[in-house]
Amino acid sequence: MFKEFREFAMRGSVIDIAVGIIIGAAFGTIVSSMVSDIIMPPIGLLIGNVDFSNLFIVLQEGAKAAGPYVSIREAQAAGAVTINFGIFLNHCISFLIIAFSVFMLMRSVNRFKNEEPAPAADPATKECPSCLMAVPIKATKCGHCTSDIRSAQA
């Protein structure tokens, strides 16, 4: 059983998948940072100095301290129950950026795959001018109507 597992794990496709997952996780971290640190601050500034990661709704005030709470950390430290829709919004934007990046990557990969079309093959048959049936390209007489194809095309 160990030998079979080792053969499975050492296949090229399994290793390729593992590398893809590792690079994808690293790419996700970079995109998350880009969204929360580069994209969202200017958007928040444009709509009135709002920090999206700090947008939340208090469902129930905490037992340790009553609201209002300035930040999610303060609310969580007080034991409040919150819906953190700002963080969710950041994650949605991160997902859209990652999905678009993967789409663009796959689009360029597919473009390289399909760039060189296969050369067109010479036709293997021709049409008999008398009966319009397909006959081999080297035929001199039609096998269907016995017409002389050579004299009809000359």
N, C-alpha and C. Protein backbone atom coordinates (compact mmCIF):
# COMPACT_ATOMS: atom_id res chain seq x y z
N MET A 1 0.83 -1.18 0.00
CA MET A 1 0.00 0.00 0.00
C MET A 1 0.88 1.26 0.00
N PHE A 2 1.97 1.24 0.75
CA PHE A 2 2.87 2.40 0.79
C PHE A 2 3.49 2.65 -0.58
N LYS A 3 3.84 1.56 -1.28
CA LYS A 3 4.43 1.69 -2.62
C LYS A 3 3.44 2.33 -3.58
N GLU A 4 2.17 1.91 -3.52
CA GLU A 4 1.15 2.50 -4.39
C GLU A 4 0.95 3.98 -4.08
N PHE A 5 0.95 4.32 -2.79
CA PHE A 5 0.80 5.73 -2.41
C PHE A 5 1.97 6.55 -2.91
N ARG A 6 3.18 6.03 -2.79
CA ARG A 6 4.37 6.74 -3.26
C ARG A 6 4.29 6.96 -4.77
N GLU A 7 3.87 5.95 -5.52
CA GLU A 7 3.72 6.10 -6.98
C GLU A 7 2.67 7.16 -7.31
N PHE A 8 1.57 7.16 -6.56
CA PHE A 8 0.52 8.16 -6.78
C PHE A 8 1.04 9.57 -6.49
N ALA A 9 1.74 9.73 -5.37
CA ALA A 9 2.21 11.05 -4.95
C ALA A 9 3.31 11.59 -5.86
N MET A 10 4.05 10.72 -6.49
CA MET A 10 5.16 11.16 -7.32
C MET A 10 4.78 11.33 -8.79
N ARG A 11 3.52 11.13 -9.14
CA ARG A 11 3.09 11.40 -10.51
C ARG A 11 3.25 12.88 -10.80
N GLY A 12 3.50 13.19 -12.03
CA GLY A 12 3.70 14.58 -12.42
C GLY A 12 2.48 15.44 -12.17
N SER A 13 1.29 14.90 -12.42
CA SER A 13 0.09 15.71 -12.27
C SER A 13 -0.17 16.06 -10.80
N VAL A 14 0.10 15.17 -9.89
CA VAL A 14 -0.11 15.44 -8.47
C VAL A 14 0.86 16.53 -8.00
N ILE A 15 2.10 16.44 -8.44
CA ILE A 15 3.09 17.45 -8.06
C ILE A 15 2.71 18.79 -8.67
N ASP A 16 2.24 18.79 -9.91
CA ASP A 16 1.80 20.04 -10.55
C ASP A 16 0.64 20.68 -9.78
N ILE A 17 -0.29 19.86 -9.33
CA ILE A 17 -1.43 20.38 -8.55
C ILE A 17 -0.93 20.97 -7.24
N ALA A 18 -0.01 20.29 -6.58
CA ALA A 18 0.52 20.79 -5.31
C ALA A 18 1.22 22.14 -5.51
N VAL A 19 2.02 22.25 -6.55
CA VAL A 19 2.70 23.51 -6.83
C VAL A 19 1.68 24.60 -7.12
N GLY A 20 0.64 24.27 -7.89
CA GLY A 20 -0.41 25.24 -8.20
C GLY A 20 -1.13 25.73 -6.97
N ILE A 21 -1.41 24.83 -6.04
CA ILE A 21 -2.10 25.22 -4.80
C ILE A 21 -1.21 26.14 -3.96
N ILE A 22 0.07 25.82 -3.87
CA ILE A 22 0.99 26.65 -3.09
C ILE A 22 1.12 28.04 -3.71
N ILE A 23 1.29 28.10 -5.02
CA ILE A 23 1.41 29.41 -5.68
C ILE A 23 0.08 30.16 -5.59
N GLY A 24 -1.03 29.46 -5.72
CA GLY A 24 -2.34 30.10 -5.59
C GLY A 24 -2.56 30.70 -4.21
N ALA A 25 -2.14 30.00 -3.17
CA ALA A 25 -2.28 30.54 -1.81
C ALA A 25 -1.43 31.79 -1.64
N ALA A 26 -0.20 31.75 -2.16
CA ALA A 26 0.66 32.93 -2.07
C ALA A 26 0.07 34.09 -2.87
N PHE A 27 -0.48 33.80 -4.04
CA PHE A 27 -1.10 34.83 -4.87
C PHE A 27 -2.31 35.41 -4.16
N GLY A 28 -3.08 34.57 -3.48
CA GLY A 28 -4.24 35.05 -2.72
C GLY A 28 -3.84 36.01 -1.61
N THR A 29 -2.75 35.73 -0.95
CA THR A 29 -2.25 36.62 0.10
C THR A 29 -1.86 37.97 -0.47
N ILE A 30 -1.19 37.95 -1.62
CA ILE A 30 -0.78 39.21 -2.26
C ILE A 30 -2.01 40.01 -2.66
N VAL A 31 -2.99 39.36 -3.25
CA VAL A 31 -4.20 40.08 -3.69
C VAL A 31 -4.97 40.61 -2.49
N SER A 32 -5.05 39.84 -1.42
CA SER A 32 -5.74 40.32 -0.21
C SER A 32 -5.06 41.58 0.33
N SER A 33 -3.75 41.57 0.33
CA SER A 33 -3.02 42.76 0.78
C SER A 33 -3.26 43.93 -0.16
N MET A 34 -3.28 43.65 -1.47
CA MET A 34 -3.52 44.72 -2.42
C MET A 34 -4.90 45.35 -2.21
N VAL A 35 -5.90 44.51 -1.96
CA VAL A 35 -7.25 45.02 -1.76
C VAL A 35 -7.33 45.83 -0.47
N SER A 36 -6.87 45.26 0.64
CA SER A 36 -7.04 45.94 1.93
C SER A 36 -6.07 47.11 2.12
N ASP A 37 -4.88 47.05 1.51
CA ASP A 37 -3.88 48.08 1.75
C ASP A 37 -3.74 49.12 0.64
N ILE A 38 -4.16 48.79 -0.58
CA ILE A 38 -3.97 49.71 -1.70
C ILE A 38 -5.29 50.18 -2.32
N ILE A 39 -6.21 49.25 -2.58
CA ILE A 39 -7.45 49.62 -3.28
C ILE A 39 -8.49 50.23 -2.34
N MET A 40 -8.75 49.60 -1.21
CA MET A 40 -9.84 50.05 -0.33
C MET A 40 -9.57 51.39 0.38
N PRO A 41 -8.36 51.73 0.81
CA PRO A 41 -8.18 53.04 1.45
C PRO A 41 -8.57 54.23 0.57
N PRO A 42 -8.16 54.29 -0.71
CA PRO A 42 -8.62 55.43 -1.52
C PRO A 42 -10.13 55.43 -1.74
N ILE A 43 -10.73 54.24 -1.90
CA ILE A 43 -12.19 54.19 -2.06
C ILE A 43 -12.87 54.68 -0.79
N GLY A 44 -12.37 54.24 0.35
CA GLY A 44 -12.91 54.71 1.62
C GLY A 44 -12.76 56.21 1.80
N LEU A 45 -11.65 56.75 1.36
CA LEU A 45 -11.40 58.18 1.44
C LEU A 45 -12.39 58.95 0.54
N LEU A 46 -12.65 58.41 -0.65
CA LEU A 46 -13.58 59.06 -1.58
C LEU A 46 -15.01 59.09 -1.05
N ILE A 47 -15.41 58.09 -0.29
CA ILE A 47 -16.79 58.07 0.21
C ILE A 47 -16.91 58.55 1.65
N GLY A 48 -15.95 59.28 2.11
CA GLY A 48 -16.09 59.90 3.42
C GLY A 48 -15.24 59.32 4.51
N ASN A 49 -14.00 58.96 4.22
CA ASN A 49 -13.07 58.47 5.23
C ASN A 49 -13.57 57.21 5.94
N VAL A 50 -14.09 56.27 5.18
CA VAL A 50 -14.62 55.03 5.74
C VAL A 50 -13.59 53.93 5.58
N ASP A 51 -13.30 53.21 6.66
CA ASP A 51 -12.43 52.04 6.61
C ASP A 51 -13.33 50.82 6.46
N PHE A 52 -13.31 50.20 5.28
CA PHE A 52 -14.22 49.09 5.01
C PHE A 52 -14.02 47.92 5.97
N SER A 53 -12.79 47.67 6.38
CA SER A 53 -12.55 46.55 7.29
C SER A 53 -13.13 46.81 8.67
N ASN A 54 -13.57 48.03 8.94
CA ASN A 54 -14.13 48.38 10.24
C ASN A 54 -15.64 48.63 10.17
N LEU A 55 -16.28 48.22 9.09
CA LEU A 55 -17.73 48.37 8.99
C LEU A 55 -18.40 47.14 9.60
N PHE A 56 -19.28 47.38 10.55
CA PHE A 56 -19.94 46.26 11.22
C PHE A 56 -21.26 46.72 11.80
N ILE A 57 -22.11 45.75 12.10
CA ILE A 57 -23.40 46.00 12.75
C ILE A 57 -23.41 45.24 14.06
N VAL A 58 -23.78 45.90 15.13
CA VAL A 58 -23.85 45.26 16.44
C VAL A 58 -25.23 44.61 16.58
N LEU A 59 -25.25 43.30 16.76
CA LEU A 59 -26.50 42.58 16.98
C LEU A 59 -26.88 42.55 18.46
N GLN A 60 -25.85 42.41 19.27
CA GLN A 60 -26.08 42.39 20.72
C GLN A 60 -24.85 42.98 21.40
N GLU A 61 -25.08 43.92 22.31
CA GLU A 61 -23.96 44.55 23.00
C GLU A 61 -23.27 43.54 23.90
N GLY A 62 -22.01 43.80 24.15
CA GLY A 62 -21.21 42.89 24.95
C GLY A 62 -21.53 42.99 26.43
N ALA A 63 -21.23 41.93 27.15
CA ALA A 63 -21.46 41.88 28.59
C ALA A 63 -20.41 42.69 29.35
N LYS A 64 -19.22 42.81 28.79
CA LYS A 64 -18.13 43.50 29.47
C LYS A 64 -18.25 45.02 29.38
N ALA A 65 -18.71 45.52 28.23
CA ALA A 65 -18.82 46.97 28.04
C ALA A 65 -19.95 47.26 27.07
N ALA A 66 -20.67 48.34 27.34
CA ALA A 66 -21.77 48.73 26.46
C ALA A 66 -21.23 49.56 25.30
N GLY A 67 -22.00 49.58 24.19
CA GLY A 67 -21.61 50.33 22.98
C GLY A 67 -21.85 51.80 23.17
N PRO A 68 -21.61 52.61 22.23
CA PRO A 68 -21.18 52.28 20.87
C PRO A 68 -19.69 51.91 20.83
N TYR A 69 -19.35 51.08 19.84
CA TYR A 69 -17.98 50.60 19.68
C TYR A 69 -17.35 51.28 18.47
N VAL A 70 -16.11 51.69 18.62
CA VAL A 70 -15.41 52.40 17.55
C VAL A 70 -14.88 51.43 16.50
N SER A 71 -14.48 50.25 16.92
CA SER A 71 -13.89 49.28 15.99
C SER A 71 -14.41 47.88 16.28
N ILE A 72 -14.16 47.00 15.35
CA ILE A 72 -14.56 45.60 15.52
C ILE A 72 -13.80 44.99 16.68
N ARG A 73 -12.53 45.31 16.80
CA ARG A 73 -11.73 44.77 17.92
C ARG A 73 -12.31 45.18 19.27
N GLU A 74 -12.72 46.44 19.36
CA GLU A 74 -13.31 46.93 20.61
C GLU A 74 -14.62 46.19 20.91
N ALA A 75 -15.43 45.98 19.88
CA ALA A 75 -16.70 45.27 20.08
C ALA A 75 -16.45 43.82 20.47
N GLN A 76 -15.50 43.18 19.82
CA GLN A 76 -15.20 41.78 20.15
C GLN A 76 -14.59 41.66 21.54
N ALA A 77 -13.77 42.62 21.93
CA ALA A 77 -13.19 42.60 23.28
C ALA A 77 -14.27 42.76 24.34
N ALA A 78 -15.33 43.50 24.00
CA ALA A 78 -16.44 43.69 24.95
C ALA A 78 -17.40 42.50 24.94
N GLY A 79 -17.21 41.58 24.01
CA GLY A 79 -18.08 40.41 23.93
C GLY A 79 -19.33 40.64 23.10
N ALA A 80 -19.34 41.68 22.27
CA ALA A 80 -20.51 42.00 21.44
C ALA A 80 -20.61 41.02 20.28
N VAL A 81 -21.85 40.79 19.85
CA VAL A 81 -22.11 39.96 18.68
C VAL A 81 -22.27 40.91 17.50
N THR A 82 -21.43 40.73 16.45
CA THR A 82 -21.42 41.67 15.34
C THR A 82 -21.51 40.95 14.00
N ILE A 83 -22.01 41.65 12.99
CA ILE A 83 -21.92 41.21 11.60
C ILE A 83 -20.88 42.11 10.95
N ASN A 84 -19.79 41.51 10.50
CA ASN A 84 -18.64 42.25 9.98
C ASN A 84 -18.72 42.33 8.45
N PHE A 85 -19.63 43.15 7.94
CA PHE A 85 -19.85 43.19 6.49
C PHE A 85 -18.73 43.90 5.74
N GLY A 86 -17.94 44.73 6.39
CA GLY A 86 -16.81 45.39 5.74
C GLY A 86 -15.72 44.41 5.37
N ILE A 87 -15.42 43.50 6.29
CA ILE A 87 -14.42 42.46 6.01
C ILE A 87 -14.92 41.56 4.89
N PHE A 88 -16.22 41.24 4.92
CA PHE A 88 -16.80 40.44 3.85
C PHE A 88 -16.67 41.15 2.51
N LEU A 89 -16.90 42.45 2.48
CA LEU A 89 -16.76 43.23 1.25
C LEU A 89 -15.32 43.17 0.74
N ASN A 90 -14.35 43.29 1.63
CA ASN A 90 -12.95 43.17 1.23
C ASN A 90 -12.67 41.80 0.61
N HIS A 91 -13.21 40.74 1.21
CA HIS A 91 -13.00 39.39 0.68
C HIS A 91 -13.66 39.22 -0.68
N CYS A 92 -14.83 39.81 -0.88
CA CYS A 92 -15.51 39.73 -2.18
C CYS A 92 -14.69 40.42 -3.26
N ILE A 93 -14.15 41.58 -2.95
CA ILE A 93 -13.31 42.30 -3.92
C ILE A 93 -12.04 41.51 -4.21
N SER A 94 -11.45 40.91 -3.18
CA SER A 94 -10.27 40.06 -3.39
C SER A 94 -10.60 38.90 -4.32
N PHE A 95 -11.74 38.27 -4.10
CA PHE A 95 -12.15 37.14 -4.95
C PHE A 95 -12.30 37.59 -6.39
N LEU A 96 -12.94 38.72 -6.62
CA LEU A 96 -13.14 39.20 -7.99
C LEU A 96 -11.80 39.48 -8.67
N ILE A 97 -10.86 40.05 -7.95
CA ILE A 97 -9.55 40.33 -8.53
C ILE A 97 -8.82 39.02 -8.85
N ILE A 98 -8.87 38.06 -7.94
CA ILE A 98 -8.22 36.77 -8.18
C ILE A 98 -8.88 36.06 -9.36
N ALA A 99 -10.22 36.04 -9.40
CA ALA A 99 -10.92 35.38 -10.50
C ALA A 99 -10.58 36.04 -11.83
N PHE A 100 -10.53 37.37 -11.86
CA PHE A 100 -10.19 38.07 -13.10
C PHE A 100 -8.75 37.77 -13.51
N SER A 101 -7.83 37.71 -12.55
CA SER A 101 -6.43 37.41 -12.86
C SER A 101 -6.29 36.00 -13.42
N VAL A 102 -6.98 35.04 -12.82
CA VAL A 102 -6.93 33.66 -13.32
C VAL A 102 -7.54 33.59 -14.71
N PHE A 103 -8.64 34.31 -14.94
CA PHE A 103 -9.27 34.35 -16.25
C PHE A 103 -8.29 34.88 -17.30
N MET A 104 -7.61 35.98 -16.99
CA MET A 104 -6.66 36.56 -17.94
C MET A 104 -5.48 35.62 -18.19
N LEU A 105 -5.02 34.93 -17.15
CA LEU A 105 -3.93 33.97 -17.31
C LEU A 105 -4.36 32.83 -18.22
N MET A 106 -5.53 32.26 -17.96
CA MET A 106 -6.01 31.13 -18.77
C MET A 106 -6.29 31.58 -20.21
N ARG A 107 -6.76 32.80 -20.37
CA ARG A 107 -7.02 33.33 -21.71
C ARG A 107 -5.72 33.41 -22.51
N SER A 108 -4.65 33.89 -21.87
CA SER A 108 -3.38 33.97 -22.59
C SER A 108 -2.78 32.59 -22.84
N VAL A 109 -2.94 31.67 -21.90
CA VAL A 109 -2.45 30.30 -22.11
C VAL A 109 -3.19 29.65 -23.28
N ASN A 110 -4.51 29.81 -23.33
CA ASN A 110 -5.29 29.24 -24.42
C ASN A 110 -4.93 29.88 -25.76
N ARG A 111 -4.61 31.16 -25.75
CA ARG A 111 -4.21 31.84 -26.99
C ARG A 111 -2.92 31.23 -27.53
N PHE A 112 -1.97 30.92 -26.64
CA PHE A 112 -0.72 30.30 -27.09
C PHE A 112 -0.96 28.88 -27.59
N LYS A 113 -1.88 28.16 -26.97
CA LYS A 113 -2.18 26.79 -27.40
C LYS A 113 -2.77 26.77 -28.80
N ASN A 114 -3.69 27.68 -29.08
CA ASN A 114 -4.43 27.66 -30.34
C ASN A 114 -3.84 28.59 -31.39
N GLU A 115 -2.62 29.08 -31.18
CA GLU A 115 -2.06 30.07 -32.08
C GLU A 115 -1.74 29.49 -33.45
N GLU A 116 -1.18 28.30 -33.53
CA GLU A 116 -0.79 27.72 -34.80
C GLU A 116 -1.80 26.65 -35.21
N PRO A 117 -2.67 26.96 -36.16
CA PRO A 117 -3.59 25.94 -36.62
C PRO A 117 -2.86 24.88 -37.44
N ALA A 118 -3.39 23.69 -37.43
CA ALA A 118 -2.79 22.60 -38.19
C ALA A 118 -2.90 22.91 -39.68
N PRO A 119 -1.87 22.55 -40.45
CA PRO A 119 -1.95 22.83 -41.89
C PRO A 119 -3.12 22.06 -42.51
N ALA A 120 -3.76 22.71 -43.45
CA ALA A 120 -4.92 22.09 -44.11
C ALA A 120 -4.44 20.91 -44.95
N ALA A 121 -5.12 19.79 -44.80
CA ALA A 121 -4.77 18.59 -45.54
C ALA A 121 -5.32 18.71 -46.96
N ASP A 122 -4.60 18.13 -47.90
CA ASP A 122 -5.09 18.12 -49.28
C ASP A 122 -6.37 17.28 -49.32
N PRO A 123 -7.32 17.67 -50.13
CA PRO A 123 -8.56 16.89 -50.20
C PRO A 123 -8.30 15.48 -50.71
N ALA A 124 -9.00 14.51 -50.14
CA ALA A 124 -8.83 13.11 -50.54
C ALA A 124 -9.82 12.73 -51.62
N THR A 125 -10.84 13.54 -51.82
CA THR A 125 -11.85 13.22 -52.83
C THR A 125 -12.14 14.45 -53.68
N LYS A 126 -12.78 14.20 -54.81
CA LYS A 126 -13.27 15.27 -55.68
C LYS A 126 -14.68 14.88 -56.11
N GLU A 127 -15.36 15.83 -56.71
CA GLU A 127 -16.75 15.62 -57.10
C GLU A 127 -16.84 15.25 -58.57
N CYS A 128 -17.60 14.21 -58.88
CA CYS A 128 -17.84 13.84 -60.27
C CYS A 128 -18.74 14.90 -60.90
N PRO A 129 -18.35 15.47 -62.06
CA PRO A 129 -19.17 16.51 -62.67
C PRO A 129 -20.51 15.99 -63.21
N SER A 130 -20.61 14.70 -63.46
CA SER A 130 -21.85 14.15 -64.03
C SER A 130 -22.88 13.83 -62.95
N CYS A 131 -22.45 13.05 -61.92
CA CYS A 131 -23.42 12.60 -60.90
C CYS A 131 -23.26 13.30 -59.56
N LEU A 132 -22.22 14.13 -59.42
CA LEU A 132 -21.94 14.90 -58.20
C LEU A 132 -21.63 14.04 -56.97
N MET A 133 -21.18 12.82 -57.19
CA MET A 133 -20.78 11.94 -56.09
C MET A 133 -19.29 12.13 -55.82
N ALA A 134 -18.86 11.84 -54.61
CA ALA A 134 -17.44 11.95 -54.24
C ALA A 134 -16.69 10.74 -54.76
N VAL A 135 -15.57 11.02 -55.41
CA VAL A 135 -14.71 9.96 -55.93
C VAL A 135 -13.28 10.25 -55.48
N PRO A 136 -12.40 9.26 -55.39
CA PRO A 136 -11.02 9.51 -54.99
C PRO A 136 -10.36 10.52 -55.93
N ILE A 137 -9.45 11.30 -55.39
CA ILE A 137 -8.82 12.39 -56.12
C ILE A 137 -8.05 11.90 -57.34
N LYS A 138 -7.49 10.69 -57.30
CA LYS A 138 -6.69 10.16 -58.42
C LYS A 138 -7.54 9.40 -59.43
N ALA A 139 -8.84 9.28 -59.20
CA ALA A 139 -9.69 8.50 -60.11
C ALA A 139 -9.80 9.18 -61.47
N THR A 140 -9.86 8.36 -62.51
CA THR A 140 -10.08 8.87 -63.87
C THR A 140 -11.49 8.58 -64.36
N LYS A 141 -12.15 7.60 -63.73
CA LYS A 141 -13.54 7.28 -64.04
C LYS A 141 -14.33 7.26 -62.74
N CYS A 142 -15.57 7.72 -62.79
CA CYS A 142 -16.46 7.71 -61.62
C CYS A 142 -16.91 6.29 -61.36
N GLY A 143 -16.81 5.87 -60.13
CA GLY A 143 -17.25 4.53 -59.74
C GLY A 143 -18.75 4.42 -59.62
N HIS A 144 -19.45 5.52 -59.65
CA HIS A 144 -20.90 5.52 -59.50
C HIS A 144 -21.62 5.55 -60.86
N CYS A 145 -21.16 6.45 -61.73
CA CYS A 145 -21.85 6.59 -63.02
C CYS A 145 -20.96 6.21 -64.20
N THR A 146 -19.73 5.83 -63.98
CA THR A 146 -18.71 5.43 -64.96
C THR A 146 -18.36 6.53 -65.95
N SER A 147 -18.62 7.78 -65.61
CA SER A 147 -18.22 8.89 -66.48
C SER A 147 -16.70 9.04 -66.45
N ASP A 148 -16.15 9.50 -67.57
CA ASP A 148 -14.72 9.77 -67.66
C ASP A 148 -14.47 11.12 -66.98
N ILE A 149 -13.83 11.10 -65.85
CA ILE A 149 -13.62 12.34 -65.07
C ILE A 149 -12.49 13.16 -65.69
N ARG A 150 -11.49 12.51 -66.25
CA ARG A 150 -10.35 13.19 -66.82
C ARG A 150 -10.76 14.11 -67.97
N SER A 151 -11.60 13.65 -68.83
CA SER A 151 -12.00 14.45 -69.98
C SER A 151 -12.98 15.56 -69.56
N ALA A 152 -13.75 15.33 -68.50
CA ALA A 152 -14.72 16.35 -68.07
C ALA A 152 -14.02 17.52 -67.39
N GLN A 153 -12.88 17.29 -66.74
CA GLN A 153 -12.19 18.38 -66.05
C GLN A 153 -11.17 19.08 -66.92
N ALA A 154 -10.82 18.54 -68.07
CA ALA A 154 -9.80 19.14 -68.91
C ALA A 154 -10.28 20.30 -69.70
